[in-house]
Protein backbone atom coordinates (compact mmCIF):
# COMPACT_ATOMS: atom_id res chain seq x y z
CA MET A 1 20.27 30.84 38.71
CA ILE A 2 21.53 34.37 39.12
CA ILE A 3 24.72 35.72 37.62
CA GLY A 4 26.74 38.00 39.48
CA MET A 5 30.10 39.51 40.01
CA ARG A 6 32.28 40.83 42.84
CA GLY A 7 32.03 44.52 43.10
CA HIS A 8 35.62 45.61 43.33
CA ASP A 9 37.00 43.66 40.55
CA PHE A 10 36.06 47.00 38.81
CA GLY A 11 37.84 48.84 41.51
CA ARG A 12 36.77 51.34 43.60
CA LEU A 13 33.87 53.35 42.27
CA PRO A 14 31.09 55.35 44.39
CA PRO A 15 27.60 53.11 44.57
CA GLU A 16 25.98 54.78 41.49
CA ARG A 17 28.98 54.35 38.88
CA LEU A 18 29.58 50.65 40.10
CA ALA A 19 25.90 49.79 39.97
CA THR A 20 25.91 51.37 36.31
CA ALA A 21 29.20 49.23 35.28
CA ILE A 22 27.68 45.97 36.77
CA GLN A 23 24.56 46.19 34.97
CA GLN A 24 26.23 47.14 31.62
CA ALA A 25 28.65 44.06 32.15
CA GLY A 26 25.34 42.24 31.81
CA PHE A 27 25.51 41.04 36.11
CA CYS A 28 22.45 41.25 38.22
CA ALA A 29 24.01 40.55 41.40
CA THR A 30 27.16 41.35 43.32
CA GLN A 31 29.22 40.96 46.49
CA LEU A 32 29.93 44.27 47.89
CA ALA A 33 33.15 44.70 50.41
CA PHE A 34 32.83 48.54 51.18
CA THR A 35 36.73 48.42 52.00
CA LYS A 36 37.60 47.50 48.43
CA ALA A 37 34.75 48.51 46.38
CA PHE A 38 34.35 52.08 47.09
CA PRO A 39 36.54 55.03 47.46
CA PRO A 40 37.89 55.51 51.04
CA PRO A 41 36.89 56.03 53.82
CA ALA A 42 34.72 53.14 54.17
CA GLU A 43 32.92 54.05 57.18
CA ALA A 44 31.30 56.87 54.99
CA TYR A 45 28.94 54.15 53.48
CA MET A 46 28.00 52.67 56.95
CA THR A 47 25.55 55.07 58.39
CA ARG A 48 21.90 54.13 58.30
CA GLU A 49 21.27 56.81 55.27
CA SER A 50 24.21 55.69 53.13
CA LEU A 51 23.26 51.98 53.41
CA ARG A 52 19.62 52.83 52.56
CA HIS A 53 20.79 54.64 49.86
CA ILE A 54 23.16 52.08 48.33
CA ARG A 55 20.61 49.37 48.61
CA ARG A 56 18.27 51.76 46.23
CA VAL A 57 20.77 52.30 44.05
CA PHE A 58 21.66 48.83 43.06
CA ALA A 59 17.88 47.95 43.23
CA ALA A 60 16.94 50.64 40.42
CA HIS A 61 19.79 49.26 38.59
CA GLY A 62 18.46 45.46 38.94
CA VAL A 63 21.33 44.30 40.97
CA ALA A 64 20.97 41.98 43.90
CA LEU A 65 23.08 41.83 47.05
CA PRO A 66 23.64 38.17 48.19
CA VAL A 67 26.69 39.04 49.83
CA MET A 68 28.31 41.93 51.99
CA GLY A 69 32.18 41.05 52.35
CA CYS A 70 34.01 41.58 55.60
CA TYR A 71 36.74 39.27 55.23
CA VAL A 72 38.57 39.04 58.65
CA SER A 73 40.71 36.52 60.45
CA ALA A 74 38.21 34.80 62.15
CA SER A 75 40.51 32.23 63.85
CA ASP A 76 43.14 34.56 64.84
CA SER A 77 45.80 33.52 67.51
CA ASP A 78 46.35 37.17 68.44
CA PRO A 79 43.77 37.68 70.92
CA ALA A 80 43.35 41.32 70.17
CA ALA A 81 42.98 40.86 66.45
CA PHE A 82 40.77 38.19 67.25
CA GLU A 83 38.62 40.45 69.12
CA ASP A 84 38.82 42.91 66.20
CA ALA A 85 37.59 40.84 63.95
CA ARG A 86 34.57 39.68 65.82
CA ALA A 87 33.95 43.57 66.41
CA ARG A 88 34.13 44.71 62.49
CA PHE A 89 32.10 41.13 61.50
CA ALA A 90 29.22 42.25 63.90
CA ALA A 91 28.85 45.76 62.87
CA CYS A 92 28.76 44.25 59.44
CA LEU A 93 25.96 41.80 60.16
CA ARG A 94 24.14 44.69 61.37
CA ALA A 95 24.69 46.93 58.58
CA SER A 96 23.67 44.12 56.15
CA VAL A 97 19.96 44.32 57.35
CA LEU A 98 19.86 47.74 56.21
CA LEU A 99 21.79 47.38 53.17
CA GLY A 100 19.46 44.09 52.40
CA ALA A 101 22.52 41.82 51.82
CA GLY A 102 21.91 37.63 51.86
CA CYS A 103 24.69 37.33 53.74
CA VAL A 104 27.66 38.60 55.30
CA GLY A 105 30.73 36.67 54.06
CA THR A 106 34.27 35.62 55.58
CA GLU A 107 36.77 33.13 55.03
CA THR A 108 38.57 31.77 57.94
CA THR A 109 42.26 32.31 58.83
CA HIS A 110 45.44 31.06 56.60
CA PHE A 111 46.62 28.00 58.12
CA THR A 112 50.38 27.59 58.20
CA ALA A 113 51.13 25.91 61.76
CA ASP A 114 51.35 22.45 62.37
CA GLU A 115 48.53 20.14 61.64
CA SER A 116 48.56 19.26 65.44
CA GLU A 117 47.34 22.92 65.75
CA ARG A 118 44.58 22.20 63.75
CA ASP A 119 42.09 21.92 66.56
CA ALA A 120 43.20 24.77 68.63
CA ALA A 121 42.25 27.01 65.34
CA TYR A 122 39.14 25.35 65.06
CA ALA A 123 38.18 26.09 68.54
CA ARG A 124 38.80 29.78 68.03
CA LEU A 125 36.77 29.56 64.70
CA LEU A 126 33.86 28.11 66.78
CA CYS A 127 33.97 30.65 69.22
CA PHE A 128 34.05 33.58 66.30
CA THR A 129 31.37 31.71 64.93
CA ARG A 130 29.20 31.43 67.80
CA ALA A 131 29.29 34.99 68.68
CA ALA A 132 28.66 36.08 65.06
CA VAL A 133 25.63 34.02 64.94
CA ARG A 134 24.36 35.04 68.11
CA GLU A 135 24.55 38.48 66.17
CA ALA A 136 22.78 37.32 63.30
CA GLU A 137 20.29 35.82 65.14
CA ALA A 138 19.62 39.01 67.37
CA CYS A 139 19.46 41.36 64.29
CA GLY A 140 18.03 39.07 61.54
CA ALA A 141 21.17 38.67 59.32
CA PHE A 142 23.11 35.63 58.13
CA VAL A 143 26.53 34.60 58.30
CA GLY A 144 28.54 33.24 55.10
CA ILE A 145 31.46 31.20 56.08
CA GLU A 146 33.74 29.89 53.24
CA PRO A 147 36.13 26.95 53.21
CA VAL A 148 39.42 27.17 51.93
CA ALA A 149 42.01 24.19 51.51
CA LEU A 150 44.99 26.57 52.67
CA HIS A 151 42.78 27.74 55.78
CA THR A 152 41.44 26.72 59.16
CA LEU A 153 38.20 25.58 57.69
CA ASN A 154 39.71 23.56 54.71
CA THR A 155 37.67 20.67 53.93
CA PRO A 156 33.98 20.06 53.15
CA GLU A 157 33.65 17.41 56.24
CA ARG A 158 35.09 20.03 58.61
CA THR A 159 32.68 22.65 57.52
CA ARG A 160 29.88 20.22 58.11
CA ARG A 161 31.47 19.57 61.77
CA LEU A 162 30.95 23.57 62.03
CA LEU A 163 27.50 23.36 61.07
CA ASP A 164 26.38 20.71 63.33
CA ASP A 165 28.60 22.43 66.23
CA VAL A 166 26.82 25.87 65.55
CA PRO A 167 23.09 24.53 64.42
CA SER A 168 21.65 27.82 63.25
CA PRO A 169 19.50 28.54 60.04
CA HIS A 170 21.50 31.93 60.49
CA LEU A 171 24.77 30.14 59.43
CA ARG A 172 25.21 29.38 55.92
CA VAL A 173 28.47 28.56 53.61
CA ILE A 174 29.65 30.25 50.71
CA LEU A 175 31.05 27.59 48.22
CA ASP A 176 34.06 28.55 46.01
CA LEU A 177 34.92 25.12 44.64
CA ALA A 178 38.29 26.59 43.31
CA ASN A 179 39.23 27.29 47.00
CA LEU A 180 38.82 23.82 48.00
CA ILE A 181 41.12 22.16 45.01
CA THR A 182 44.47 21.63 45.91
CA PRO A 183 47.73 20.81 43.15
CA GLU A 184 46.92 17.02 43.75
CA THR A 185 43.12 17.19 42.94
CA THR A 186 43.04 19.44 39.73
CA ALA A 187 41.61 16.52 37.41
CA PRO A 188 37.96 17.11 36.21
CA GLN A 189 37.10 13.84 38.14
CA ALA A 190 38.71 15.08 41.38
CA GLN A 191 36.85 18.40 41.16
CA ARG A 192 33.42 16.82 40.41
CA GLU A 193 34.49 14.50 43.80
CA MET A 194 35.00 17.36 45.50
CA LEU A 195 31.59 18.90 44.78
CA GLY A 196 30.00 15.61 45.61
CA ARG A 197 31.58 15.75 48.98
CA SER A 198 30.56 19.51 49.22
CA LEU A 199 26.91 18.90 48.56
CA ALA A 200 26.81 15.90 50.42
CA CYS A 201 27.98 17.82 53.47
CA PHE A 202 26.25 21.19 53.15
CA GLY A 203 24.44 21.17 49.73
CA GLY A 204 21.52 22.61 51.53
CA ARG A 205 22.88 25.49 53.07
CA ILE A 206 24.72 27.45 50.54
CA ALA A 207 24.27 30.86 50.58
CA VAL A 208 26.05 31.58 47.21
CA LEU A 209 28.48 30.26 44.95
CA HIS A 210 32.09 31.85 43.92
CA ILE A 211 33.10 31.17 40.58
CA LYS A 212 36.89 31.53 39.55
CA ASP A 213 39.45 30.20 36.97
CA GLY A 214 43.06 29.73 37.05
CA VAL A 215 46.31 27.36 37.59
CA PHE A 216 48.68 26.14 40.14
CA SER A 217 52.28 27.82 39.73
CA ALA A 218 55.59 25.55 39.92
CA GLU A 219 55.33 26.62 43.87
CA GLY A 220 52.02 25.28 44.21
CA LYS A 221 50.33 29.06 44.36
CA TRP A 222 46.94 29.82 42.70
CA GLU A 223 47.27 32.34 39.84
CA ASN A 224 43.59 33.46 38.15
CA ARG A 225 43.31 33.48 34.84
CA PRO A 226 40.06 34.32 32.72
CA LEU A 227 37.22 31.93 32.70
CA GLY A 228 37.98 28.77 30.56
CA GLN A 229 41.69 29.62 30.38
CA GLY A 230 42.57 27.65 33.64
CA ILE A 231 42.00 24.08 35.24
CA MET A 232 38.25 24.57 36.59
CA ASP A 233 35.86 22.23 34.76
CA TRP A 234 33.05 24.89 35.28
CA ALA A 235 31.49 23.81 31.85
CA HIS A 236 30.30 20.68 33.75
CA ILE A 237 30.02 21.93 37.16
CA LEU A 238 27.98 24.80 36.74
CA PRO A 239 25.21 22.55 35.35
CA LEU A 240 25.28 20.29 38.12
CA LEU A 241 24.96 23.00 40.59
CA ARG A 242 22.15 24.35 38.80
CA GLU A 243 20.33 20.93 38.59
CA HIS A 244 21.31 20.83 42.49
CA ASP A 245 19.67 24.49 43.16
CA ASP A 246 18.70 26.45 40.84
CA SER A 247 18.04 30.12 42.99
CA LEU A 248 21.58 29.93 43.86
CA CYS A 249 23.69 33.19 42.71
CA ALA A 250 27.14 32.49 41.12
CA LEU A 251 29.47 35.39 41.58
CA ARG A 252 32.17 35.69 39.38
CA GLU A 253 35.65 36.16 41.20
CA GLY A 254 38.26 37.89 39.77
CA VAL A 255 36.82 39.52 36.54
CA PHE A 256 39.79 40.57 34.45
CA PRO A 257 39.86 43.89 32.89
CA GLY A 258 37.93 44.61 29.78
CA MET A 259 36.58 41.27 29.93
CA ALA A 260 33.21 41.36 32.22
CA GLN A 261 30.80 41.22 29.46
CA GLU A 262 32.52 38.21 27.84
CA GLU A 263 32.70 36.43 31.21
CA CYS A 264 28.82 36.94 31.61
CA ARG A 265 28.21 35.26 28.35
CA ILE A 266 30.24 32.59 29.15
CA MET A 267 28.88 31.78 32.47
CA GLN A 268 25.47 31.77 30.79
CA ARG A 269 26.59 29.63 28.41
CA TRP A 270 28.04 27.20 30.76
CA MET A 271 25.32 27.04 33.00
CA GLU A 272 22.75 26.17 30.23
CA GLY A 273 24.91 23.26 29.63
């Protein structure tokens, strides 16, 4: 299993400096969200020449690019925002081919409406995903959708439904188990049950893993913590994921300042079981 980290956890750095920092921390893969990882303007990095240059720079440092981040509101109820999300995601899909990224990743949309509105939100997500997958098929890219308990795509079962509704090998899933955990399902056994449901629903379609740790506040809001200092039972879950598919990339999300090397070693130790 490959160990990586989210690029913008080091702040905004030029590609050469960012690739060096990731390599020196011991990671060998990253997720790049141009609007967050590089100094502005992000558009300057989206030209054919720049994309190929970034690809060469990271390859020279031994850093793979499994995900190009393009987080958009994929089920937005505002028509203008929805169309903007579709256009930006399509542009990133085309760019990802030149970048050599494994997929373009997004969450869906924070869901705050009454549960009776869930089907309408899912219908918008389905429209977005079908358009994105058509673009991906046309240019040879891959779409990575990330389910989150508080978003439109909120459960492993609803994720399976999306995969069935858009039956294309160009649609993959980004699994962030912490994003599927709720304040009611923090116990280690509940986490393993969520993992089992996820693997049963889309285990063969996982593009990449996100790894983070944290706690829920008294108000039920997630608060990031260094690895091993939160509720996540990664010491038992990561070996299970490695056993499921040792070719997956596990991307640390939310590295704390000054702790990158230590957290890389922690992940390596956990995966060894």
